[in-house]
């Protein structure tokens, strides 16, 4: 996998049976939960992902924050590779793995009595 150009890649992408978990007791001040694969966190810290989702929800309360987060990721991946977003999206999916990993993101909105109906992926 030496062809990957993802920053902060310390070791080869090994398969592990141990999930990476964070435990957080939900409180009334929590507004959403971001569930994302490692490809998301290759480009964003937890804090950056939260800031992106929070600002998006404030501007677009009925929009899809997971899709927005993926768009921001592709934009950052393109910037890191020295491409425009359009140039990166024109790279065939199989070859695009050189610039970013597969990404799955689900954003669960809390306390709105609405079900989350969308999950977004980027290959």
Protein backbone atom coordinates (compact mmCIF):
# COMPACT_ATOMS: atom_id res chain seq x y z
CA UNK A 1 0.00 0.00 0.00
CA UNK A 2 2.94 2.33 -0.47
CA UNK A 3 0.99 4.16 -3.16
CA UNK A 4 -1.27 5.89 -0.62
CA UNK A 5 -0.47 9.56 -0.19
CA UNK A 6 -2.63 10.11 2.88
CA UNK A 7 -0.90 12.34 5.41
CA UNK A 8 -0.12 10.98 8.87
CA UNK A 9 0.03 7.42 7.59
CA UNK A 10 2.34 5.96 10.23
CA UNK A 11 2.09 2.30 9.29
CA UNK A 12 0.49 0.13 6.61
CA UNK A 13 -3.30 -0.20 6.88
CA UNK A 14 -3.53 -3.33 8.98
CA UNK A 15 -6.79 -5.09 9.73
CA UNK A 16 -7.65 -5.19 13.41
CA UNK A 17 -10.45 -6.87 15.30
CA UNK A 18 -10.30 -4.18 17.98
CA UNK A 19 -12.50 -1.18 17.22
CA UNK A 20 -11.43 2.32 18.15
CA UNK A 21 -13.99 3.45 20.72
CA UNK A 22 -14.78 6.65 22.53
CA UNK A 23 -17.32 6.59 25.35
CA UNK A 24 -19.30 9.76 25.98
CA UNK A 25 -22.43 10.09 28.07
CA UNK A 26 -24.99 12.02 26.01
CA UNK A 27 -26.17 15.21 27.69
CA UNK A 28 -28.77 17.84 26.84
CA UNK A 29 -26.01 20.05 25.41
CA UNK A 30 -25.08 17.43 22.78
CA UNK A 31 -26.70 18.08 19.40
CA UNK A 32 -25.34 15.33 17.15
CA UNK A 33 -23.06 12.31 16.88
CA UNK A 34 -20.63 11.77 14.00
CA UNK A 35 -19.90 8.15 13.15
CA UNK A 36 -17.12 7.91 10.59
CA UNK A 37 -14.62 5.50 9.17
CA UNK A 38 -10.87 6.05 9.50
CA UNK A 39 -10.78 7.74 6.09
CA UNK A 40 -12.64 10.70 7.60
CA UNK A 41 -10.17 11.09 10.44
CA UNK A 42 -7.16 10.86 8.13
CA UNK A 43 -8.09 14.41 7.12
CA UNK A 44 -10.03 15.87 10.08
CA UNK A 45 -9.50 15.91 13.81
CA UNK A 46 -12.57 15.27 15.95
CA UNK A 47 -12.79 19.00 16.65
CA UNK A 48 -12.60 19.95 12.97
CA UNK A 49 -15.33 17.46 12.04
CA UNK A 50 -17.58 18.80 14.82
CA UNK A 51 -17.01 22.42 13.74
CA UNK A 52 -17.88 21.59 10.11
CA UNK A 53 -21.07 19.73 11.06
CA UNK A 54 -22.15 22.32 13.63
CA UNK A 55 -21.76 25.26 11.26
CA UNK A 56 -23.52 23.35 8.46
CA UNK A 57 -26.52 22.45 10.65
CA UNK A 58 -26.88 26.10 11.73
CA UNK A 59 -26.98 27.22 8.07
CA UNK A 60 -28.99 24.26 6.70
CA UNK A 61 -31.13 22.63 9.41
CA UNK A 62 -32.84 20.28 6.96
CA UNK A 63 -29.72 19.51 4.89
CA UNK A 64 -27.42 16.48 4.92
CA UNK A 65 -24.44 17.20 7.20
CA UNK A 66 -22.78 13.86 6.36
CA UNK A 67 -22.72 14.73 2.67
CA UNK A 68 -21.36 18.19 3.47
CA UNK A 69 -18.58 16.67 5.61
CA UNK A 70 -17.60 14.38 2.72
CA UNK A 71 -17.51 17.34 0.34
CA UNK A 72 -15.17 19.13 2.74
CA UNK A 73 -12.99 16.02 2.94
CA UNK A 74 -12.70 15.72 -0.85
CA UNK A 75 -11.83 19.42 -1.03
CA UNK A 76 -9.06 18.95 1.55
CA UNK A 77 -7.78 15.78 -0.16
CA UNK A 78 -7.62 17.65 -3.47
CA UNK A 79 -5.75 20.53 -1.84
CA UNK A 80 -3.25 18.13 -0.24
CA UNK A 81 -2.68 16.45 -3.63
CA UNK A 82 -2.26 19.77 -5.44
CA UNK A 83 -5.47 19.32 -7.46
CA UNK A 84 -8.68 21.25 -7.77
CA UNK A 85 -11.70 19.39 -6.41
CA UNK A 86 -12.92 18.82 -9.98
CA UNK A 87 -9.56 17.34 -11.03
CA UNK A 88 -9.59 14.92 -8.09
CA UNK A 89 -13.19 13.86 -8.78
CA UNK A 90 -12.21 13.13 -12.40
CA UNK A 91 -9.63 10.58 -11.23
CA UNK A 92 -11.25 7.11 -11.51
CA UNK A 93 -12.39 5.78 -8.11
CA UNK A 94 -9.83 2.96 -8.00
CA UNK A 95 -6.94 5.32 -8.71
CA UNK A 96 -8.31 8.01 -6.37
CA UNK A 97 -7.36 5.80 -3.42
CA UNK A 98 -3.87 7.19 -3.92
CA UNK A 99 -5.19 10.48 -2.53
CA UNK A 100 -7.81 9.47 0.05
CA UNK A 101 -9.18 6.32 1.66
CA UNK A 102 -12.78 5.13 1.30
CA UNK A 103 -14.94 7.14 3.68
CA UNK A 104 -18.27 6.43 5.37
CA UNK A 105 -19.98 9.08 7.51
CA UNK A 106 -23.24 9.04 9.43
CA UNK A 107 -24.40 12.10 11.37
CA UNK A 108 -27.11 11.37 13.94
CA UNK A 109 -29.03 14.47 15.01
CA UNK A 110 -30.04 14.25 18.68
CA UNK A 111 -33.14 15.60 20.37
CA UNK A 112 -35.08 16.62 17.29
CA UNK A 113 -37.60 13.74 17.27
CA UNK A 114 -36.49 13.06 13.70
CA UNK A 115 -34.83 9.92 12.48
CA UNK A 116 -31.58 10.12 10.60
CA UNK A 117 -32.36 8.70 7.19
CA UNK A 118 -29.15 9.30 5.26
CA UNK A 119 -25.65 7.95 5.37
CA UNK A 120 -23.02 9.19 2.93
CA UNK A 121 -20.06 7.39 1.42
CA UNK A 122 -17.18 8.42 -0.76
CA UNK A 123 -15.12 5.90 -2.69
